[in-house]
PDB file of N, CA and C in Angstrom:
ATOM      1  N   UNK A   1       0.868  -1.170   0.000  1.00  0.00           N
ATOM      2  CA  UNK A   1       0.000   0.000   0.000  1.00  0.00           C
ATOM      3  C   UNK A   1       0.907   1.223   0.000  1.00  0.00           C
ATOM      4  N   UNK A   2       0.609   2.155  -0.842  1.00  0.00           N
ATOM      5  CA  UNK A   2       1.465   3.333  -0.913  1.00  0.00           C
ATOM      6  C   UNK A   2       1.058   4.372   0.137  1.00  0.00           C
ATOM      7  N   UNK A   3       1.856   5.405   0.241  1.00  0.00           N
ATOM      8  CA  UNK A   3       1.650   6.443   1.259  1.00  0.00           C
ATOM      9  C   UNK A   3       0.293   7.120   1.100  1.00  0.00           C
ATOM     10  N   UNK A   4      -0.115   7.402  -0.136  1.00  0.00           N
ATOM     11  CA  UNK A   4      -1.399   8.067  -0.368  1.00  0.00           C
ATOM     12  C   UNK A   4      -2.552   7.233   0.178  1.00  0.00           C
ATOM     13  N   UNK A   5      -2.507   5.927  -0.041  1.00  0.00           N
ATOM     14  CA  UNK A   5      -3.573   5.062   0.467  1.00  0.00           C
ATOM     15  C   UNK A   5      -3.596   5.056   1.994  1.00  0.00           C
ATOM     16  N   UNK A   6      -2.431   5.055   2.610  1.00  0.00           N
ATOM     17  CA  UNK A   6      -2.357   5.088   4.077  1.00  0.00           C
ATOM     18  C   UNK A   6      -2.923   6.399   4.620  1.00  0.00           C
ATOM     19  N   UNK A   7      -2.592   7.489   3.954  1.00  0.00           N
ATOM     20  CA  UNK A   7      -3.090   8.797   4.376  1.00  0.00           C
ATOM     21  C   UNK A   7      -4.601   8.861   4.240  1.00  0.00           C
ATOM     22  N   UNK A   8      -5.106   8.408   3.102  1.00  0.00           N
ATOM     23  CA  UNK A   8      -6.553   8.422   2.886  1.00  0.00           C
ATOM     24  C   UNK A   8      -7.276   7.524   3.880  1.00  0.00           C
ATOM     25  N   UNK A   9      -6.728   6.355   4.155  1.00  0.00           N
ATOM     26  CA  UNK A   9      -7.332   5.462   5.141  1.00  0.00           C
ATOM     27  C   UNK A   9      -7.370   6.152   6.504  1.00  0.00           C
ATOM     28  N   UNK A  10      -6.282   6.831   6.861  1.00  0.00           N
ATOM     29  CA  UNK A  10      -6.214   7.543   8.132  1.00  0.00           C
ATOM     30  C   UNK A  10      -7.224   8.670   8.233  1.00  0.00           C
ATOM     31  N   UNK A  11      -7.420   9.389   7.148  1.00  0.00           N
ATOM     32  CA  UNK A  11      -8.401  10.481   7.135  1.00  0.00           C
ATOM     33  C   UNK A  11      -9.823   9.981   7.347  1.00  0.00           C
ATOM     34  N   UNK A  12     -10.095   8.759   6.898  1.00  0.00           N
ATOM     35  CA  UNK A  12     -11.426   8.180   7.059  1.00  0.00           C
ATOM     36  C   UNK A  12     -11.579   7.405   8.359  1.00  0.00           C
ATOM     37  N   UNK A  13     -10.571   7.467   9.230  1.00  0.00           N
ATOM     38  CA  UNK A  13     -10.655   6.814  10.527  1.00  0.00           C
ATOM     39  C   UNK A  13     -10.228   5.355  10.526  1.00  0.00           C
ATOM     40  N   UNK A  14      -9.593   4.920   9.456  1.00  0.00           N
ATOM     41  CA  UNK A  14      -9.120   3.544   9.378  1.00  0.00           C
ATOM     42  C   UNK A  14      -7.641   3.487   9.689  1.00  0.00           C
ATOM     43  N   UNK A  15      -7.177   2.277   9.989  1.00  0.00           N
ATOM     44  CA  UNK A  15      -5.762   2.040  10.195  1.00  0.00           C
ATOM     45  C   UNK A  15      -5.318   0.949   9.230  1.00  0.00           C
ATOM     46  N   UNK A  16      -4.015   0.811   9.065  1.00  0.00           N
ATOM     47  CA  UNK A  16      -3.453  -0.185   8.167  1.00  0.00           C
ATOM     48  C   UNK A  16      -2.554  -1.097   8.995  1.00  0.00           C
ATOM     49  N   UNK A  17      -2.777  -2.415   8.889  1.00  0.00           N
ATOM     50  CA  UNK A  17      -1.967  -3.343   9.677  1.00  0.00           C
ATOM     51  C   UNK A  17      -0.662  -3.679   8.969  1.00  0.00           C
ATOM     52  N   UNK A  18       0.132  -4.540   9.597  1.00  0.00           N
ATOM     53  CA  UNK A  18       1.451  -4.865   9.062  1.00  0.00           C
ATOM     54  C   UNK A  18       1.403  -5.584   7.717  1.00  0.00           C
ATOM     55  N   UNK A  19       0.233  -6.129   7.365  1.00  0.00           N
ATOM     56  CA  UNK A  19       0.087  -6.828   6.080  1.00  0.00           C
ATOM     57  C   UNK A  19      -0.675  -5.987   5.061  1.00  0.00           C
ATOM     58  N   UNK A  20      -0.775  -4.683   5.321  1.00  0.00           N
ATOM     59  CA  UNK A  20      -1.451  -3.722   4.453  1.00  0.00           C
ATOM     60  C   UNK A  20      -2.953  -3.931   4.364  1.00  0.00           C
ATOM     61  N   UNK A  21      -3.523  -4.537   5.368  1.00  0.00           N
ATOM     62  CA  UNK A  21      -4.972  -4.674   5.453  1.00  0.00           C
ATOM     63  C   UNK A  21      -5.554  -3.457   6.148  1.00  0.00           C
ATOM     64  N   UNK A  22      -6.670  -2.985   5.671  1.00  0.00           N
ATOM     65  CA  UNK A  22      -7.316  -1.802   6.246  1.00  0.00           C
ATOM     66  C   UNK A  22      -8.373  -2.261   7.245  1.00  0.00           C
ATOM     67  N   UNK A  23      -8.369  -1.634   8.420  1.00  0.00           N
ATOM     68  CA  UNK A  23      -9.340  -1.990   9.449  1.00  0.00           C
ATOM     69  C   UNK A  23      -9.715  -0.768  10.264  1.00  0.00           C
ATOM     70  N   UNK A  24     -10.823  -0.882  10.985  1.00  0.00           N
ATOM     71  CA  UNK A  24     -11.274   0.167  11.883  1.00  0.00           C
ATOM     72  C   UNK A  24     -11.046  -0.327  13.308  1.00  0.00           C
ATOM     73  N   UNK A  25     -10.157   0.323  14.022  1.00  0.00           N
ATOM     74  CA  UNK A  25      -9.788  -0.105  15.366  1.00  0.00           C
ATOM     75  C   UNK A  25     -11.011  -0.219  16.268  1.00  0.00           C
ATOM     76  N   UNK A  26     -11.151  -1.375  16.931  1.00  0.00           N
ATOM     77  CA  UNK A  26     -12.251  -1.593  17.851  1.00  0.00           C
ATOM     78  C   UNK A  26     -13.513  -2.139  17.219  1.00  0.00           C
ATOM     79  N   UNK A  27     -13.517  -2.305  15.902  1.00  0.00           N
ATOM     80  CA  UNK A  27     -14.699  -2.826  15.218  1.00  0.00           C
ATOM     81  C   UNK A  27     -14.385  -4.182  14.610  1.00  0.00           C
ATOM     82  N   UNK A  28     -15.406  -5.028  14.541  1.00  0.00           N
ATOM     83  CA  UNK A  28     -15.267  -6.354  13.949  1.00  0.00           C
ATOM     84  C   UNK A  28     -15.082  -6.250  12.436  1.00  0.00           C
ATOM     85  N   UNK A  29     -14.319  -7.194  11.901  1.00  0.00           N
ATOM     86  CA  UNK A  29     -14.284  -7.330  10.445  1.00  0.00           C
ATOM     87  C   UNK A  29     -15.657  -7.816   9.986  1.00  0.00           C
ATOM     88  N   UNK A  30     -15.935  -7.680   8.722  1.00  0.00           N
ATOM     89  CA  UNK A  30     -17.204  -8.159   8.164  1.00  0.00           C
ATOM     90  C   UNK A  30     -17.262  -9.683   8.257  1.00  0.00           C
ATOM     91  N   UNK A  31     -18.470 -10.206   8.175  1.00  0.00           N
ATOM     92  CA  UNK A  31     -18.630 -11.659   8.212  1.00  0.00           C
ATOM     93  C   UNK A  31     -17.938 -12.303   7.009  1.00  0.00           C
ATOM     94  N   UNK A  32     -17.940 -11.620   5.880  1.00  0.00           N
ATOM     95  CA  UNK A  32     -17.277 -12.179   4.694  1.00  0.00           C
ATOM     96  C   UNK A  32     -15.760 -12.275   4.900  1.00  0.00           C
ATOM     97  N   UNK A  33     -15.169 -11.323   5.609  1.00  0.00           N
ATOM     98  CA  UNK A  33     -13.737 -11.392   5.909  1.00  0.00           C
ATOM     99  C   UNK A  33     -13.469 -12.551   6.866  1.00  0.00           C
ATOM    100  N   UNK A  34     -14.352 -12.738   7.838  1.00  0.00           N
ATOM    101  CA  UNK A  34     -14.220 -13.845   8.777  1.00  0.00           C
ATOM    102  C   UNK A  34     -14.313 -15.183   8.032  1.00  0.00           C
ATOM    103  N   UNK A  35     -15.220 -15.258   7.068  1.00  0.00           N
ATOM    104  CA  UNK A  35     -15.371 -16.451   6.248  1.00  0.00           C
ATOM    105  C   UNK A  35     -14.107 -16.714   5.430  1.00  0.00           C
ATOM    106  N   UNK A  36     -13.521 -15.663   4.890  1.00  0.00           N
ATOM    107  CA  UNK A  36     -12.273 -15.790   4.123  1.00  0.00           C
ATOM    108  C   UNK A  36     -11.163 -16.370   4.998  1.00  0.00           C
ATOM    109  N   UNK A  37     -11.028 -15.846   6.214  1.00  0.00           N
ATOM    110  CA  UNK A  37     -10.000 -16.323   7.141  1.00  0.00           C
ATOM    111  C   UNK A  37     -10.281 -17.777   7.527  1.00  0.00           C
ATOM    112  N   UNK A  38     -11.539 -18.086   7.834  1.00  0.00           N
ATOM    113  CA  UNK A  38     -11.906 -19.454   8.217  1.00  0.00           C
ATOM    114  C   UNK A  38     -11.609 -20.433   7.088  1.00  0.00           C
ATOM    115  N   UNK A  39     -11.929 -20.065   5.866  1.00  0.00           N
ATOM    116  CA  UNK A  39     -11.669 -20.932   4.718  1.00  0.00           C
ATOM    117  C   UNK A  39     -10.180 -21.182   4.551  1.00  0.00           C
ATOM    118  N   UNK A  40      -9.381 -20.165   4.766  1.00  0.00           N
ATOM    119  CA  UNK A  40      -7.931 -20.307   4.665  1.00  0.00           C
ATOM    120  C   UNK A  40      -7.407 -21.226   5.772  1.00  0.00           C
ATOM    121  N   UNK A  41      -7.974 -21.119   6.963  1.00  0.00           N
ATOM    122  CA  UNK A  41      -7.579 -21.995   8.077  1.00  0.00           C
ATOM    123  C   UNK A  41      -7.908 -23.448   7.745  1.00  0.00           C
ATOM    124  N   UNK A  42      -9.119 -23.684   7.281  1.00  0.00           N
ATOM    125  CA  UNK A  42      -9.546 -25.052   6.950  1.00  0.00           C
ATOM    126  C   UNK A  42      -8.670 -25.634   5.834  1.00  0.00           C
ATOM    127  N   UNK A  43      -8.403 -24.856   4.809  1.00  0.00           N
ATOM    128  CA  UNK A  43      -7.554 -25.321   3.709  1.00  0.00           C
ATOM    129  C   UNK A  43      -6.151 -25.649   4.218  1.00  0.00           C
ATOM    130  N   UNK A  44      -5.637 -24.819   5.105  1.00  0.00           N
ATOM    131  CA  UNK A  44      -4.307 -25.047   5.672  1.00  0.00           C
ATOM    132  C   UNK A  44      -4.283 -26.315   6.513  1.00  0.00           C
ATOM    133  N   UNK A  45      -5.332 -26.529   7.306  1.00  0.00           N
ATOM    134  CA  UNK A  45      -5.413 -27.737   8.128  1.00  0.00           C
ATOM    135  C   UNK A  45      -5.479 -28.988   7.263  1.00  0.00           C
ATOM    136  N   UNK A  46      -6.242 -28.922   6.184  1.00  0.00           N
ATOM    137  CA  UNK A  46      -6.407 -30.082   5.308  1.00  0.00           C
ATOM    138  C   UNK A  46      -5.120 -30.435   4.574  1.00  0.00           C
ATOM    139  N   UNK A  47      -4.288 -29.448   4.290  1.00  0.00           N
ATOM    140  CA  UNK A  47      -3.055 -29.708   3.557  1.00  0.00           C
ATOM    141  C   UNK A  47      -1.877 -30.005   4.485  1.00  0.00           C
ATOM    142  N   UNK A  48      -2.080 -29.859   5.781  1.00  0.00           N
ATOM    143  CA  UNK A  48      -1.018 -30.092   6.754  1.00  0.00           C
ATOM    144  C   UNK A  48      -1.057 -31.534   7.241  1.00  0.00           C
ATOM    145  N   UNK A  49       0.096 -32.127   7.431  1.00  0.00           N
ATOM    146  CA  UNK A  49       0.162 -33.508   7.927  1.00  0.00           C
ATOM    147  C   UNK A  49      -0.368 -33.631   9.352  1.00  0.00           C
ATOM    148  N   UNK A  50      -0.127 -32.614  10.171  1.00  0.00           N
ATOM    149  CA  UNK A  50      -0.553 -32.686  11.573  1.00  0.00           C
ATOM    150  C   UNK A  50      -1.811 -31.871  11.865  1.00  0.00           C
ATOM    151  N   UNK A  51      -2.417 -31.271  10.839  1.00  0.00           N
ATOM    152  CA  UNK A  51      -3.636 -30.491  11.031  1.00  0.00           C
ATOM    153  C   UNK A  51      -3.400 -29.104  11.584  1.00  0.00           C
ATOM    154  N   UNK A  52      -2.136 -28.710  11.711  1.00  0.00           N
ATOM    155  CA  UNK A  52      -1.805 -27.383  12.233  1.00  0.00           C
ATOM    156  C   UNK A  52      -1.904 -26.318  11.157  1.00  0.00           C
ATOM    157  N   UNK A  53      -1.856 -25.079  11.600  1.00  0.00           N
ATOM    158  CA  UNK A  53      -1.897 -23.961  10.663  1.00  0.00           C
ATOM    159  C   UNK A  53      -0.754 -23.002  10.962  1.00  0.00           C
ATOM    160  N   UNK A  54      -0.283 -22.324   9.932  1.00  0.00           N
ATOM    161  CA  UNK A  54       0.717 -21.285  10.092  1.00  0.00           C
ATOM    162  C   UNK A  54      -0.042 -19.967  10.201  1.00  0.00           C
ATOM    163  N   UNK A  55      -0.197 -19.492  11.430  1.00  0.00           N
ATOM    164  CA  UNK A  55      -0.998 -18.307  11.706  1.00  0.00           C
ATOM    165  C   UNK A  55      -0.476 -17.098  10.949  1.00  0.00           C
ATOM    166  N   UNK A  56       0.832 -16.912  10.932  1.00  0.00           N
ATOM    167  CA  UNK A  56       1.419 -15.754  10.246  1.00  0.00           C
ATOM    168  C   UNK A  56       1.161 -15.788   8.750  1.00  0.00           C
ATOM    169  N   UNK A  57       1.249 -16.964   8.165  1.00  0.00           N
ATOM    170  CA  UNK A  57       1.013 -17.107   6.726  1.00  0.00           C
ATOM    171  C   UNK A  57      -0.437 -16.763   6.373  1.00  0.00           C
ATOM    172  N   UNK A  58      -1.365 -17.236   7.176  1.00  0.00           N
ATOM    173  CA  UNK A  58      -2.778 -16.943   6.936  1.00  0.00           C
ATOM    174  C   UNK A  58      -3.050 -15.458   7.146  1.00  0.00           C
ATOM    175  N   UNK A  59      -2.455 -14.878   8.173  1.00  0.00           N
ATOM    176  CA  UNK A  59      -2.639 -13.445   8.437  1.00  0.00           C
ATOM    177  C   UNK A  59      -2.163 -12.621   7.248  1.00  0.00           C
ATOM    178  N   UNK A  60      -1.014 -12.982   6.719  1.00  0.00           N
ATOM    179  CA  UNK A  60      -0.468 -12.252   5.571  1.00  0.00           C
ATOM    180  C   UNK A  60      -1.354 -12.427   4.342  1.00  0.00           C
ATOM    181  N   UNK A  61      -1.791 -13.654   4.090  1.00  0.00           N
ATOM    182  CA  UNK A  61      -2.638 -13.946   2.934  1.00  0.00           C
ATOM    183  C   UNK A  61      -3.963 -13.175   2.996  1.00  0.00           C
ATOM    184  N   UNK A  62      -4.566 -13.106   4.190  1.00  0.00           N
ATOM    185  CA  UNK A  62      -5.878 -12.477   4.352  1.00  0.00           C
ATOM    186  C   UNK A  62      -5.795 -11.004   4.770  1.00  0.00           C
ATOM    187  N   UNK A  63      -4.571 -10.526   5.017  1.00  0.00           N
ATOM    188  CA  UNK A  63      -4.323  -9.133   5.408  1.00  0.00           C
ATOM    189  C   UNK A  63      -5.052  -8.756   6.705  1.00  0.00           C
ATOM    190  N   UNK A  64      -4.938  -9.659   7.691  1.00  0.00           N
ATOM    191  CA  UNK A  64      -5.479  -9.412   9.024  1.00  0.00           C
ATOM    192  C   UNK A  64      -4.366  -9.675  10.034  1.00  0.00           C
ATOM    193  N   UNK A  65      -4.611  -9.371  11.289  1.00  0.00           N
ATOM    194  CA  UNK A  65      -3.603  -9.619  12.308  1.00  0.00           C
ATOM    195  C   UNK A  65      -3.524 -11.098  12.668  1.00  0.00           C
ATOM    196  N   UNK A  66      -2.410 -11.496  13.243  1.00  0.00           N
ATOM    197  CA  UNK A  66      -2.261 -12.872  13.725  1.00  0.00           C
ATOM    198  C   UNK A  66      -3.271 -13.142  14.840  1.00  0.00           C
ATOM    199  N   UNK A  67      -3.536 -12.130  15.658  1.00  0.00           N
ATOM    200  CA  UNK A  67      -4.534 -12.260  16.723  1.00  0.00           C
ATOM    201  C   UNK A  67      -5.894 -12.645  16.133  1.00  0.00           C
ATOM    202  N   UNK A  68      -6.287 -11.999  15.044  1.00  0.00           N
ATOM    203  CA  UNK A  68      -7.586 -12.279  14.434  1.00  0.00           C
ATOM    204  C   UNK A  68      -7.639 -13.701  13.879  1.00  0.00           C
ATOM    205  N   UNK A  69      -6.550 -14.160  13.279  1.00  0.00           N
ATOM    206  CA  UNK A  69      -6.501 -15.538  12.775  1.00  0.00           C
ATOM    207  C   UNK A  69      -6.681 -16.517  13.933  1.00  0.00           C
ATOM    208  N   UNK A  70      -5.982 -16.277  15.046  1.00  0.00           N
ATOM    209  CA  UNK A  70      -6.123 -17.159  16.210  1.00  0.00           C
ATOM    210  C   UNK A  70      -7.545 -17.124  16.753  1.00  0.00           C
ATOM    211  N   UNK A  71      -8.153 -15.957  16.756  1.00  0.00           N
ATOM    212  CA  UNK A  71      -9.531 -15.811  17.237  1.00  0.00           C
ATOM    213  C   UNK A  71     -10.487 -16.652  16.384  1.00  0.00           C
ATOM    214  N   UNK A  72     -10.372 -16.571  15.077  1.00  0.00           N
ATOM    215  CA  UNK A  72     -11.231 -17.338  14.174  1.00  0.00           C
ATOM    216  C   UNK A  72     -10.929 -18.829  14.311  1.00  0.00           C
ATOM    217  N   UNK A  73      -9.650 -19.182  14.397  1.00  0.00           N
ATOM    218  CA  UNK A  73      -9.260 -20.588  14.576  1.00  0.00           C
ATOM    219  C   UNK A  73      -9.877 -21.167  15.851  1.00  0.00           C
ATOM    220  N   UNK A  74      -9.812 -20.406  16.937  1.00  0.00           N
ATOM    221  CA  UNK A  74     -10.367 -20.867  18.208  1.00  0.00           C
ATOM    222  C   UNK A  74     -11.887 -20.998  18.141  1.00  0.00           C
ATOM    223  N   UNK A  75     -12.523 -20.089  17.431  1.00  0.00           N
ATOM    224  CA  UNK A  75     -13.975 -20.158  17.258  1.00  0.00           C
ATOM    225  C   UNK A  75     -14.356 -21.421  16.485  1.00  0.00           C
ATOM    226  N   UNK A  76     -13.588 -21.756  15.472  1.00  0.00           N
ATOM    227  CA  UNK A  76     -13.827 -22.986  14.718  1.00  0.00           C
ATOM    228  C   UNK A  76     -13.658 -24.209  15.614  1.00  0.00           C
ATOM    229  N   UNK A  77     -12.649 -24.184  16.471  1.00  0.00           N
ATOM    230  CA  UNK A  77     -12.394 -25.311  17.373  1.00  0.00           C
ATOM    231  C   UNK A  77     -13.527 -25.487  18.383  1.00  0.00           C
ATOM    232  N   UNK A  78     -13.963 -24.393  18.970  1.00  0.00           N
ATOM    233  CA  UNK A  78     -14.969 -24.449  20.029  1.00  0.00           C
ATOM    234  C   UNK A  78     -16.358 -24.742  19.491  1.00  0.00           C
ATOM    235  N   UNK A  79     -16.744 -24.069  18.420  1.00  0.00           N
ATOM    236  CA  UNK A  79     -18.115 -24.145  17.923  1.00  0.00           C
ATOM    237  C   UNK A  79     -18.268 -24.997  16.658  1.00  0.00           C
ATOM    238  N   UNK A  80     -17.165 -25.336  16.013  1.00  0.00           N
ATOM    239  CA  UNK A  80     -17.236 -26.121  14.793  1.00  0.00           C
ATOM    240  C   UNK A  80     -17.636 -25.303  13.576  1.00  0.00           C
ATOM    241  N   UNK A  81     -17.738 -24.014  13.748  1.00  0.00           N
ATOM    242  CA  UNK A  81     -18.130 -23.094  12.666  1.00  0.00           C
ATOM    243  C   UNK A  81     -17.803 -21.680  13.132  1.00  0.00           C
ATOM    244  N   UNK A  82     -17.955 -20.728  12.210  1.00  0.00           N
ATOM    245  CA  UNK A  82     -17.778 -19.336  12.617  1.00  0.00           C
ATOM    246  C   UNK A  82     -19.142 -18.775  13.004  1.00  0.00           C
ATOM    247  N   UNK A  83     -19.118 -17.884  13.970  1.00  0.00           N
ATOM    248  CA  UNK A  83     -20.353 -17.296  14.477  1.00  0.00           C
ATOM    249  C   UNK A  83     -20.610 -15.948  13.830  1.00  0.00           C
ATOM    250  N   UNK A  84     -21.859 -15.623  13.700  1.00  0.00           N
ATOM    251  CA  UNK A  84     -22.234 -14.293  13.221  1.00  0.00           C
ATOM    252  C   UNK A  84     -22.090 -13.302  14.369  1.00  0.00           C
ATOM    253  N   UNK A  85     -22.050 -12.028  14.018  1.00  0.00           N
ATOM    254  CA  UNK A  85     -21.838 -10.960  14.992  1.00  0.00           C
ATOM    255  C   UNK A  85     -22.860 -10.985  16.123  1.00  0.00           C
ATOM    256  N   UNK A  86     -24.107 -11.363  15.812  1.00  0.00           N
ATOM    257  CA  UNK A  86     -25.165 -11.319  16.821  1.00  0.00           C
ATOM    258  C   UNK A  86     -25.250 -12.593  17.668  1.00  0.00           C
ATOM    259  N   UNK A  87     -24.379 -13.562  17.414  1.00  0.00           N
ATOM    260  CA  UNK A  87     -24.390 -14.788  18.202  1.00  0.00           C
ATOM    261  C   UNK A  87     -23.454 -14.650  19.398  1.00  0.00           C
ATOM    262  N   UNK A  88     -23.893 -15.153  20.507  1.00  0.00           N
ATOM    263  CA  UNK A  88     -23.104 -15.073  21.728  1.00  0.00           C
ATOM    264  C   UNK A  88     -21.913 -16.015  21.630  1.00  0.00           C
ATOM    265  N   UNK A  89     -20.771 -15.594  22.090  1.00  0.00           N
ATOM    266  CA  UNK A  89     -19.569 -16.425  22.042  1.00  0.00           C
ATOM    267  C   UNK A  89     -19.252 -16.957  23.429  1.00  0.00           C
ATOM    268  N   UNK A  90     -20.211 -17.636  24.040  1.00  0.00           N
ATOM    269  CA  UNK A  90     -20.012 -18.216  25.359  1.00  0.00           C
ATOM    270  C   UNK A  90     -19.137 -19.453  25.253  1.00  0.00           C
ATOM    271  N   UNK A  91     -18.483 -19.777  26.346  1.00  0.00           N
ATOM    272  CA  UNK A  91     -17.650 -20.970  26.390  1.00  0.00           C
ATOM    273  C   UNK A  91     -18.538 -22.204  26.311  1.00  0.00           C
ATOM    274  N   UNK A  92     -18.039 -23.292  25.737  1.00  0.00           N
ATOM    275  CA  UNK A  92     -18.846 -24.506  25.651  1.00  0.00           C
ATOM    276  C   UNK A  92     -19.072 -25.104  27.031  1.00  0.00           C
ATOM    277  N   UNK A  93     -20.139 -25.892  27.170  1.00  0.00           N
ATOM    278  CA  UNK A  93     -20.425 -26.553  28.426  1.00  0.00           C
ATOM    279  C   UNK A  93     -19.376 -27.608  28.709  1.00  0.00           C
ATOM    280  N   UNK A  94     -19.040 -27.766  29.986  1.00  0.00           N
ATOM    281  CA  UNK A  94     -18.051 -28.768  30.384  1.00  0.00           C
ATOM    282  C   UNK A  94     -18.673 -30.154  30.329  1.00  0.00           C
ATOM    283  N   UNK A  95     -17.848 -31.178  30.060  1.00  0.00           N
ATOM    284  CA  UNK A  95     -18.300 -32.567  30.096  1.00  0.00           C
ATOM    285  C   UNK A  95     -18.517 -32.980  31.539  1.00  0.00           C
ATOM    286  N   UNK A  96     -19.299 -34.025  31.749  1.00  0.00           N
ATOM    287  CA  UNK A  96     -19.553 -34.503  33.097  1.00  0.00           C
ATOM    288  C   UNK A  96     -18.280 -34.856  33.823  1.00  0.00           C
ATOM    289  N   UNK A  97     -17.320 -35.464  33.112  1.00  0.00           N
ATOM    290  CA  UNK A  97     -16.057 -35.867  33.720  1.00  0.00           C
ATOM    291  C   UNK A  97     -15.243 -34.667  34.185  1.00  0.00           C
ATOM    292  N   UNK A  98     -15.547 -33.502  33.655  1.00  0.00           N
ATOM    293  CA  UNK A  98     -14.797 -32.303  33.995  1.00  0.00           C
ATOM    294  C   UNK A  98     -15.547 -31.446  35.012  1.00  0.00           C
ATOM    295  N   UNK A  99     -16.519 -32.023  35.700  1.00  0.00           N
ATOM    296  CA  UNK A  99     -17.221 -31.289  36.727  1.00  0.00           C
ATOM    297  C   UNK A  99     -18.404 -30.499  36.227  1.00  0.00           C
ATOM    298  N   UNK A 100     -18.893 -30.809  35.033  1.00  0.00           N
ATOM    299  CA  UNK A 100     -20.042 -30.104  34.491  1.00  0.00           C
ATOM    300  C   UNK A 100     -21.339 -30.600  35.087  1.00  0.00           C
ATOM    301  N   UNK A 101     -22.426 -30.063  34.623  1.00  0.00           N
ATOM    302  CA  UNK A 101     -23.741 -30.484  35.096  1.00  0.00           C
ATOM    303  C   UNK A 101     -24.112 -31.800  34.454  1.00  0.00           C
ATOM    304  N   UNK A 102     -24.934 -32.594  35.118  1.00  0.00           N
ATOM    305  CA  UNK A 102     -25.386 -33.779  34.456  1.00  0.00           C
ATOM    306  C   UNK A 102     -25.841 -34.779  35.379  1.00  0.00           C
TER     307      UNK A 102
END
């Protein structure tokens, strides 16, 4: 991203991350961006021998922070899918063996 684009993004209240992705500090990315990141995570897991993902590589590819990639990855692990903005992101219920209800 060139200097002019950074300046214009700044004038509109946006910031630019280390991978030249434009974002609004404190606001969620769109659901379509979350879907893009999730798809990249799933593709990476499927092509990996151990099912792991390279968080930095996905962040660079999708132009988001590594934190955001980890957030989406964890959401996939916990819920088995990505959640929409209006869905509560509560922790999953504990199993009976772990002291949960039952």
